[in-house]
Amino acid sequence: MILIIFDTVFGNTGKVAGMLKEALTQKGEAVEMVSIAQVTENNFPSADMIIFGSPTRAFRPTPNMQSFVRAFKGLLKDKKVACFDTRMDVVEVNNKFLTFMAKHFGYANDFFMKAFKKAHAQIVCEPGNFYVKEQAGPLKDDTQTLVQAWAEKILSK
C-alpha cells in the first residue's frame, strides 16, 4: 500500500495529491491519501511506500509538515519514500529577490530530502515539482500530465 501524506494551504497540494492517488490507483496500486491533520503513526506500518507533499512556504514545507516529519522520522528508517511540493515558478515570476532566495534556501522538497537521508529512508525517485500560477493557485495547466509522468517514475523503482 502507498500512503500519501500531504498538507495544503490554498488547496493546490491537496489537488496534486488527489491526482497522484488517481494515477497510482489506475496503475493497480492500493493508495491511501491522508491530510497531515488526520495522519497518525498507525498509518505507517501498513505502508510499503510513503509519499509526502507540501506547498513551499517560506522556502520550506508548512510548519505542521516540518514538525510531523521531525517527530516521526524514526518510522522512516528503511521505508520507501518520495516527496513533492507545489511552488511558484521563479523564472516566470521574474523577481530577482525571490530567485535569489529560492536558490539559497530551496523549496519544501529540499527539506524532505535532507530528512529522508538522515532517517536512512529509501528514496525511490527525484522529487516532484508542481507549479502554481499565482501564490494561491490555480495549478498550471500541465499539472495532470506531469503528475502522471511522476507516478510512472515512482513505480519504476
N, C-alpha and C. Protein backbone atom coordinates (compact mmCIF):
# COMPACT_ATOMS: atom_id res chain seq x y z
N MET A 1 0.83 -1.17 0.00
CA MET A 1 0.00 0.00 0.00
C MET A 1 0.89 1.25 0.00
N ILE A 2 0.49 2.24 -0.79
CA ILE A 2 1.20 3.51 -0.85
C ILE A 2 0.41 4.53 -0.02
N LEU A 3 1.10 5.20 0.88
CA LEU A 3 0.49 6.22 1.73
C LEU A 3 0.93 7.59 1.25
N ILE A 4 -0.03 8.45 0.92
CA ILE A 4 0.27 9.84 0.55
C ILE A 4 -0.13 10.71 1.72
N ILE A 5 0.84 11.41 2.30
CA ILE A 5 0.60 12.34 3.40
C ILE A 5 0.84 13.74 2.85
N PHE A 6 -0.14 14.62 2.99
CA PHE A 6 0.00 15.95 2.41
C PHE A 6 -0.53 17.02 3.35
N ASP A 7 -0.04 18.21 3.15
CA ASP A 7 -0.60 19.41 3.77
C ASP A 7 -0.89 20.37 2.63
N THR A 8 -1.82 21.25 2.85
CA THR A 8 -2.20 22.20 1.80
C THR A 8 -2.61 23.51 2.45
N VAL A 9 -2.40 24.60 1.78
CA VAL A 9 -2.80 25.92 2.29
C VAL A 9 -3.96 26.45 1.46
N PHE A 10 -3.78 26.50 0.15
CA PHE A 10 -4.82 27.02 -0.75
C PHE A 10 -5.55 25.91 -1.50
N GLY A 11 -5.21 24.65 -1.22
CA GLY A 11 -5.87 23.51 -1.86
C GLY A 11 -5.10 22.91 -3.02
N ASN A 12 -4.07 23.58 -3.50
CA ASN A 12 -3.33 23.09 -4.67
C ASN A 12 -2.57 21.80 -4.40
N THR A 13 -1.92 21.71 -3.25
CA THR A 13 -1.16 20.50 -2.92
C THR A 13 -2.12 19.33 -2.72
N GLY A 14 -3.27 19.60 -2.14
CA GLY A 14 -4.29 18.57 -2.00
C GLY A 14 -4.77 18.06 -3.35
N LYS A 15 -4.90 18.98 -4.31
CA LYS A 15 -5.30 18.58 -5.67
C LYS A 15 -4.23 17.69 -6.31
N VAL A 16 -2.96 18.05 -6.14
CA VAL A 16 -1.88 17.23 -6.70
C VAL A 16 -1.88 15.86 -6.02
N ALA A 17 -2.07 15.82 -4.71
CA ALA A 17 -2.13 14.53 -4.00
C ALA A 17 -3.27 13.67 -4.57
N GLY A 18 -4.42 14.28 -4.83
CA GLY A 18 -5.54 13.56 -5.42
C GLY A 18 -5.23 13.04 -6.81
N MET A 19 -4.58 13.87 -7.63
CA MET A 19 -4.18 13.44 -8.98
C MET A 19 -3.20 12.27 -8.90
N LEU A 20 -2.28 12.35 -7.94
CA LEU A 20 -1.29 11.29 -7.77
C LEU A 20 -1.96 10.00 -7.32
N LYS A 21 -2.89 10.11 -6.39
CA LYS A 21 -3.62 8.92 -5.94
C LYS A 21 -4.34 8.28 -7.13
N GLU A 22 -5.00 9.08 -7.93
CA GLU A 22 -5.72 8.57 -9.09
C GLU A 22 -4.76 7.89 -10.08
N ALA A 23 -3.62 8.52 -10.36
CA ALA A 23 -2.66 7.96 -11.31
C ALA A 23 -2.09 6.63 -10.81
N LEU A 24 -1.78 6.56 -9.51
CA LEU A 24 -1.23 5.33 -8.96
C LEU A 24 -2.28 4.22 -8.88
N THR A 25 -3.50 4.61 -8.55
CA THR A 25 -4.60 3.64 -8.49
C THR A 25 -4.88 3.06 -9.86
N GLN A 26 -4.82 3.89 -10.90
CA GLN A 26 -5.01 3.41 -12.27
C GLN A 26 -3.95 2.40 -12.68
N LYS A 27 -2.80 2.46 -12.02
CA LYS A 27 -1.71 1.51 -12.30
C LYS A 27 -1.83 0.26 -11.43
N GLY A 28 -2.93 0.14 -10.69
CA GLY A 28 -3.18 -1.05 -9.89
C GLY A 28 -2.67 -1.00 -8.47
N GLU A 29 -2.21 0.14 -8.02
CA GLU A 29 -1.68 0.27 -6.67
C GLU A 29 -2.81 0.58 -5.68
N ALA A 30 -2.68 0.05 -4.47
CA ALA A 30 -3.57 0.42 -3.37
C ALA A 30 -2.99 1.69 -2.75
N VAL A 31 -3.79 2.73 -2.67
CA VAL A 31 -3.29 4.03 -2.21
C VAL A 31 -4.22 4.59 -1.14
N GLU A 32 -3.61 5.07 -0.06
CA GLU A 32 -4.34 5.79 0.98
C GLU A 32 -3.81 7.22 0.99
N MET A 33 -4.70 8.18 0.98
CA MET A 33 -4.32 9.59 0.98
C MET A 33 -4.85 10.21 2.28
N VAL A 34 -3.94 10.83 3.05
CA VAL A 34 -4.31 11.37 4.35
C VAL A 34 -3.72 12.76 4.52
N SER A 35 -4.53 13.70 4.97
CA SER A 35 -4.00 15.04 5.25
C SER A 35 -3.18 14.99 6.53
N ILE A 36 -2.27 15.91 6.65
CA ILE A 36 -1.38 15.96 7.81
C ILE A 36 -2.17 16.05 9.11
N ALA A 37 -3.33 16.67 9.08
CA ALA A 37 -4.16 16.83 10.28
C ALA A 37 -4.77 15.50 10.74
N GLN A 38 -4.85 14.53 9.83
CA GLN A 38 -5.51 13.26 10.15
C GLN A 38 -4.57 12.08 10.30
N VAL A 39 -3.33 12.22 9.91
CA VAL A 39 -2.40 11.09 9.93
C VAL A 39 -1.91 10.82 11.35
N THR A 40 -1.70 9.55 11.64
CA THR A 40 -1.11 9.14 12.92
C THR A 40 -0.04 8.10 12.62
N GLU A 41 0.70 7.73 13.64
CA GLU A 41 1.73 6.71 13.43
C GLU A 41 1.12 5.36 13.06
N ASN A 42 -0.17 5.18 13.30
CA ASN A 42 -0.85 3.93 12.93
C ASN A 42 -0.98 3.76 11.42
N ASN A 43 -0.84 4.85 10.66
CA ASN A 43 -0.90 4.75 9.20
C ASN A 43 0.37 4.14 8.61
N PHE A 44 1.47 4.21 9.34
CA PHE A 44 2.77 3.82 8.80
C PHE A 44 2.99 2.33 8.60
N PRO A 45 2.64 1.47 9.57
CA PRO A 45 3.02 0.06 9.43
C PRO A 45 2.52 -0.63 8.16
N SER A 46 1.33 -0.29 7.70
CA SER A 46 0.78 -0.97 6.52
C SER A 46 1.30 -0.39 5.21
N ALA A 47 2.04 0.70 5.27
CA ALA A 47 2.53 1.37 4.06
C ALA A 47 3.84 0.76 3.58
N ASP A 48 3.86 0.37 2.29
CA ASP A 48 5.10 -0.10 1.67
C ASP A 48 5.94 1.09 1.21
N MET A 49 5.24 2.19 0.93
CA MET A 49 5.89 3.42 0.47
C MET A 49 5.10 4.60 1.03
N ILE A 50 5.82 5.67 1.36
CA ILE A 50 5.17 6.89 1.85
C ILE A 50 5.60 8.04 0.96
N ILE A 51 4.62 8.79 0.49
CA ILE A 51 4.88 9.97 -0.33
C ILE A 51 4.40 11.20 0.46
N PHE A 52 5.30 12.15 0.63
CA PHE A 52 4.98 13.38 1.36
C PHE A 52 4.79 14.52 0.37
N GLY A 53 3.80 15.36 0.60
CA GLY A 53 3.56 16.52 -0.25
C GLY A 53 3.24 17.75 0.58
N SER A 54 3.82 18.86 0.20
CA SER A 54 3.58 20.12 0.91
C SER A 54 3.75 21.29 -0.04
N PRO A 55 3.01 22.35 0.21
CA PRO A 55 3.33 23.58 -0.51
C PRO A 55 4.64 24.14 0.04
N THR A 56 5.34 24.88 -0.76
CA THR A 56 6.53 25.56 -0.28
C THR A 56 6.08 26.89 0.33
N ARG A 57 6.36 27.03 1.60
CA ARG A 57 6.00 28.23 2.35
C ARG A 57 7.27 28.73 3.02
N ALA A 58 7.70 29.92 2.69
CA ALA A 58 8.95 30.48 3.24
C ALA A 58 10.11 29.52 2.99
N PHE A 59 10.14 28.92 1.78
CA PHE A 59 11.23 28.06 1.32
C PHE A 59 11.33 26.74 2.08
N ARG A 60 10.25 26.32 2.69
CA ARG A 60 10.17 25.07 3.46
C ARG A 60 8.77 24.48 3.31
N PRO A 61 8.59 23.23 3.81
CA PRO A 61 7.22 22.72 3.91
C PRO A 61 6.46 23.54 4.97
N THR A 62 5.17 23.31 5.07
CA THR A 62 4.40 24.00 6.09
C THR A 62 4.96 23.65 7.48
N PRO A 63 4.77 24.51 8.46
CA PRO A 63 5.25 24.18 9.82
C PRO A 63 4.69 22.85 10.34
N ASN A 64 3.43 22.56 10.07
CA ASN A 64 2.86 21.28 10.52
C ASN A 64 3.58 20.10 9.89
N MET A 65 3.90 20.20 8.62
CA MET A 65 4.60 19.11 7.93
C MET A 65 6.02 18.96 8.47
N GLN A 66 6.70 20.08 8.70
CA GLN A 66 8.05 20.00 9.26
C GLN A 66 8.04 19.30 10.62
N SER A 67 7.11 19.70 11.46
CA SER A 67 7.00 19.10 12.80
C SER A 67 6.70 17.61 12.71
N PHE A 68 5.80 17.25 11.81
CA PHE A 68 5.43 15.86 11.65
C PHE A 68 6.61 15.01 11.21
N VAL A 69 7.32 15.46 10.19
CA VAL A 69 8.46 14.70 9.68
C VAL A 69 9.53 14.55 10.76
N ARG A 70 9.78 15.60 11.50
CA ARG A 70 10.78 15.51 12.58
C ARG A 70 10.33 14.54 13.67
N ALA A 71 9.05 14.58 14.02
CA ALA A 71 8.54 13.73 15.10
C ALA A 71 8.52 12.25 14.72
N PHE A 72 8.27 11.95 13.45
CA PHE A 72 8.10 10.56 13.04
C PHE A 72 9.23 10.03 12.16
N LYS A 73 10.37 10.74 12.15
CA LYS A 73 11.45 10.31 11.26
C LYS A 73 11.96 8.91 11.60
N GLY A 74 11.82 8.49 12.84
CA GLY A 74 12.24 7.15 13.22
C GLY A 74 11.46 6.06 12.51
N LEU A 75 10.24 6.36 12.11
CA LEU A 75 9.41 5.40 11.39
C LEU A 75 9.76 5.30 9.91
N LEU A 76 10.66 6.16 9.45
CA LEU A 76 11.03 6.18 8.03
C LEU A 76 12.24 5.30 7.72
N LYS A 77 12.92 4.82 8.74
CA LYS A 77 14.12 4.01 8.51
C LYS A 77 13.79 2.82 7.61
N ASP A 78 14.54 2.71 6.52
CA ASP A 78 14.40 1.64 5.53
C ASP A 78 13.05 1.64 4.79
N LYS A 79 12.23 2.64 4.99
CA LYS A 79 10.93 2.74 4.31
C LYS A 79 11.15 3.42 2.96
N LYS A 80 10.45 2.94 1.92
CA LYS A 80 10.50 3.60 0.62
C LYS A 80 9.74 4.91 0.72
N VAL A 81 10.36 6.00 0.24
CA VAL A 81 9.75 7.32 0.34
C VAL A 81 9.93 8.12 -0.95
N ALA A 82 9.06 9.10 -1.12
CA ALA A 82 9.16 10.08 -2.20
C ALA A 82 8.50 11.36 -1.69
N CYS A 83 8.71 12.44 -2.40
CA CYS A 83 8.11 13.71 -1.98
C CYS A 83 7.81 14.59 -3.19
N PHE A 84 6.89 15.51 -2.96
CA PHE A 84 6.58 16.52 -3.97
C PHE A 84 6.22 17.81 -3.26
N ASP A 85 6.39 18.89 -3.99
CA ASP A 85 5.92 20.17 -3.46
C ASP A 85 5.21 20.95 -4.56
N THR A 86 4.47 21.94 -4.12
CA THR A 86 3.89 22.91 -5.03
C THR A 86 4.60 24.22 -4.75
N ARG A 87 4.81 24.98 -5.82
CA ARG A 87 5.62 26.20 -5.71
C ARG A 87 5.31 27.13 -6.87
N MET A 88 5.75 28.36 -6.70
CA MET A 88 5.67 29.33 -7.80
C MET A 88 6.91 29.14 -8.67
N ASP A 89 6.78 29.41 -9.94
CA ASP A 89 7.90 29.32 -10.87
C ASP A 89 8.66 30.64 -10.84
N VAL A 90 9.85 30.63 -10.20
CA VAL A 90 10.60 31.88 -10.04
C VAL A 90 11.05 32.45 -11.38
N VAL A 91 11.24 31.59 -12.37
CA VAL A 91 11.63 32.08 -13.70
C VAL A 91 10.47 32.87 -14.30
N GLU A 92 9.28 32.33 -14.17
CA GLU A 92 8.10 33.01 -14.72
C GLU A 92 7.76 34.28 -13.95
N VAL A 93 7.93 34.25 -12.64
CA VAL A 93 7.64 35.42 -11.80
C VAL A 93 8.64 36.53 -12.11
N ASN A 94 9.88 36.13 -12.44
CA ASN A 94 10.93 37.07 -12.83
C ASN A 94 11.20 38.13 -11.76
N ASN A 95 11.32 37.66 -10.52
CA ASN A 95 11.63 38.53 -9.40
C ASN A 95 13.02 38.15 -8.90
N LYS A 96 13.97 39.07 -9.01
CA LYS A 96 15.36 38.76 -8.67
C LYS A 96 15.53 38.36 -7.21
N PHE A 97 14.82 39.02 -6.31
CA PHE A 97 14.93 38.69 -4.89
C PHE A 97 14.41 37.28 -4.63
N LEU A 98 13.24 36.95 -5.18
CA LEU A 98 12.66 35.62 -5.00
C LEU A 98 13.56 34.55 -5.61
N THR A 99 14.12 34.82 -6.77
CA THR A 99 15.04 33.88 -7.41
C THR A 99 16.27 33.64 -6.53
N PHE A 100 16.83 34.71 -5.98
CA PHE A 100 17.98 34.61 -5.08
C PHE A 100 17.63 33.77 -3.86
N MET A 101 16.51 34.06 -3.24
CA MET A 101 16.10 33.35 -2.03
C MET A 101 15.86 31.86 -2.31
N ALA A 102 15.19 31.57 -3.40
CA ALA A 102 14.91 30.16 -3.75
C ALA A 102 16.22 29.41 -4.01
N LYS A 103 17.16 30.08 -4.67
CA LYS A 103 18.44 29.44 -4.96
C LYS A 103 19.21 29.13 -3.67
N HIS A 104 19.14 30.01 -2.71
CA HIS A 104 19.92 29.83 -1.48
C HIS A 104 19.19 29.05 -0.39
N PHE A 105 17.87 29.11 -0.36
CA PHE A 105 17.13 28.46 0.72
C PHE A 105 16.29 27.27 0.26
N GLY A 106 16.07 27.14 -1.03
CA GLY A 106 15.42 25.96 -1.57
C GLY A 106 13.91 25.96 -1.49
N TYR A 107 13.38 24.76 -1.51
CA TYR A 107 11.94 24.52 -1.55
C TYR A 107 11.60 23.45 -0.52
N ALA A 108 10.34 23.14 -0.41
CA ALA A 108 9.89 22.11 0.53
C ALA A 108 10.60 20.78 0.27
N ASN A 109 10.79 20.44 -0.99
CA ASN A 109 11.44 19.17 -1.33
C ASN A 109 12.85 19.06 -0.77
N ASP A 110 13.56 20.16 -0.68
CA ASP A 110 14.92 20.13 -0.13
C ASP A 110 14.90 19.69 1.34
N PHE A 111 13.94 20.20 2.09
CA PHE A 111 13.77 19.78 3.49
C PHE A 111 13.48 18.29 3.57
N PHE A 112 12.52 17.83 2.74
CA PHE A 112 12.17 16.41 2.75
C PHE A 112 13.38 15.53 2.45
N MET A 113 14.12 15.87 1.42
CA MET A 113 15.25 15.02 1.02
C MET A 113 16.30 14.94 2.13
N LYS A 114 16.58 16.04 2.80
CA LYS A 114 17.53 16.01 3.92
C LYS A 114 17.00 15.13 5.05
N ALA A 115 15.71 15.26 5.35
CA ALA A 115 15.11 14.46 6.42
C ALA A 115 15.14 12.98 6.06
N PHE A 116 14.86 12.65 4.80
CA PHE A 116 14.88 11.24 4.38
C PHE A 116 16.27 10.65 4.53
N LYS A 117 17.27 11.40 4.14
CA LYS A 117 18.65 10.90 4.24
C LYS A 117 19.05 10.69 5.70
N LYS A 118 18.70 11.64 6.57
CA LYS A 118 19.01 11.50 8.00
C LYS A 118 18.29 10.30 8.61
N ALA A 119 17.09 10.02 8.13
CA ALA A 119 16.30 8.91 8.66
C ALA A 119 16.69 7.57 8.06
N HIS A 120 17.58 7.56 7.08
CA HIS A 120 18.00 6.34 6.37
C HIS A 120 16.83 5.68 5.66
N ALA A 121 15.99 6.51 5.06
CA ALA A 121 14.87 6.01 4.26
C ALA A 121 15.38 5.69 2.86
N GLN A 122 14.61 4.91 2.10
CA GLN A 122 14.96 4.56 0.73
C GLN A 122 14.23 5.52 -0.22
N ILE A 123 14.95 6.46 -0.79
CA ILE A 123 14.36 7.44 -1.70
C ILE A 123 14.17 6.77 -3.05
N VAL A 124 12.91 6.70 -3.53
CA VAL A 124 12.62 5.94 -4.74
C VAL A 124 12.82 6.73 -6.03
N CYS A 125 12.76 8.06 -5.97
CA CYS A 125 12.98 8.86 -7.18
C CYS A 125 13.18 10.32 -6.80
N GLU A 126 13.54 11.10 -7.80
CA GLU A 126 13.70 12.53 -7.58
C GLU A 126 12.35 13.13 -7.20
N PRO A 127 12.36 14.21 -6.43
CA PRO A 127 11.10 14.83 -6.01
C PRO A 127 10.29 15.37 -7.20
N GLY A 128 9.00 15.46 -6.98
CA GLY A 128 8.11 16.08 -7.96
C GLY A 128 7.94 17.55 -7.65
N ASN A 129 8.08 18.38 -8.66
CA ASN A 129 7.90 19.84 -8.51
C ASN A 129 6.70 20.25 -9.35
N PHE A 130 5.67 20.78 -8.71
CA PHE A 130 4.46 21.16 -9.42
C PHE A 130 4.19 22.63 -9.16
N TYR A 131 3.86 23.34 -10.23
CA TYR A 131 3.81 24.80 -10.18
C TYR A 131 2.40 25.36 -10.15
N VAL A 132 2.27 26.45 -9.38
CA VAL A 132 1.03 27.21 -9.35
C VAL A 132 1.24 28.50 -10.14
N LYS A 133 0.17 29.02 -10.69
CA LYS A 133 0.26 30.25 -11.49
C LYS A 133 0.42 31.49 -10.62
N GLU A 134 -0.24 31.49 -9.50
CA GLU A 134 -0.17 32.58 -8.53
C GLU A 134 0.04 31.94 -7.16
N GLN A 135 0.30 32.74 -6.15
CA GLN A 135 0.55 32.19 -4.83
C GLN A 135 -0.59 31.28 -4.36
N ALA A 136 -1.81 31.70 -4.61
CA ALA A 136 -2.97 30.92 -4.19
C ALA A 136 -3.45 29.94 -5.28
N GLY A 137 -2.75 29.87 -6.38
CA GLY A 137 -3.15 28.99 -7.46
C GLY A 137 -3.85 29.78 -8.54
N PRO A 138 -4.35 29.12 -9.51
CA PRO A 138 -4.51 27.68 -9.64
C PRO A 138 -3.22 27.00 -10.10
N LEU A 139 -3.28 25.68 -10.17
CA LEU A 139 -2.16 24.91 -10.69
C LEU A 139 -1.98 25.22 -12.18
N LYS A 140 -0.75 25.07 -12.66
CA LYS A 140 -0.50 25.25 -14.08
C LYS A 140 -1.26 24.19 -14.88
N ASP A 141 -1.55 24.51 -16.11
CA ASP A 141 -2.39 23.66 -16.95
C ASP A 141 -1.83 22.26 -17.20
N ASP A 142 -0.51 22.10 -17.19
CA ASP A 142 0.10 20.81 -17.50
C ASP A 142 0.29 19.91 -16.27
N THR A 143 -0.27 20.29 -15.14
CA THR A 143 -0.02 19.56 -13.90
C THR A 143 -0.46 18.10 -13.97
N GLN A 144 -1.64 17.84 -14.50
CA GLN A 144 -2.13 16.46 -14.58
C GLN A 144 -1.15 15.57 -15.34
N THR A 145 -0.65 16.05 -16.47
CA THR A 145 0.31 15.29 -17.27
C THR A 145 1.60 15.07 -16.50
N LEU A 146 2.08 16.10 -15.81
CA LEU A 146 3.32 15.98 -15.03
C LEU A 146 3.16 15.02 -13.86
N VAL A 147 2.01 15.04 -13.21
CA VAL A 147 1.76 14.12 -12.10
C VAL A 147 1.76 12.68 -12.61
N GLN A 148 1.11 12.44 -13.74
CA GLN A 148 1.08 11.08 -14.29
C GLN A 148 2.49 10.60 -14.65
N ALA A 149 3.30 11.46 -15.21
CA ALA A 149 4.68 11.10 -15.54
C ALA A 149 5.49 10.82 -14.28
N TRP A 150 5.27 11.62 -13.23
CA TRP A 150 5.99 11.41 -11.98
C TRP A 150 5.55 10.10 -11.32
N ALA A 151 4.26 9.76 -11.42
CA ALA A 151 3.77 8.49 -10.88
C ALA A 151 4.49 7.32 -11.54
N GLU A 152 4.73 7.43 -12.85
CA GLU A 152 5.48 6.39 -13.56
C GLU A 152 6.89 6.23 -12.99
N LYS A 153 7.53 7.35 -12.70
CA LYS A 153 8.89 7.31 -12.13
C LYS A 153 8.87 6.64 -10.76
N ILE A 154 7.87 6.96 -9.97
CA ILE A 154 7.76 6.35 -8.63
C ILE A 154 7.68 4.85 -8.74
N LEU A 155 6.86 4.36 -9.65
CA LEU A 155 6.62 2.93 -9.79
C LEU A 155 7.73 2.19 -10.50
N SER A 156 8.59 2.91 -11.21
CA SER A 156 9.66 2.25 -11.96
C SER A 156 10.82 1.81 -11.06
N LYS A 157 10.79 2.22 -9.83
CA LYS A 157 11.89 1.88 -8.91
C LYS A 157 11.57 0.67 -8.08
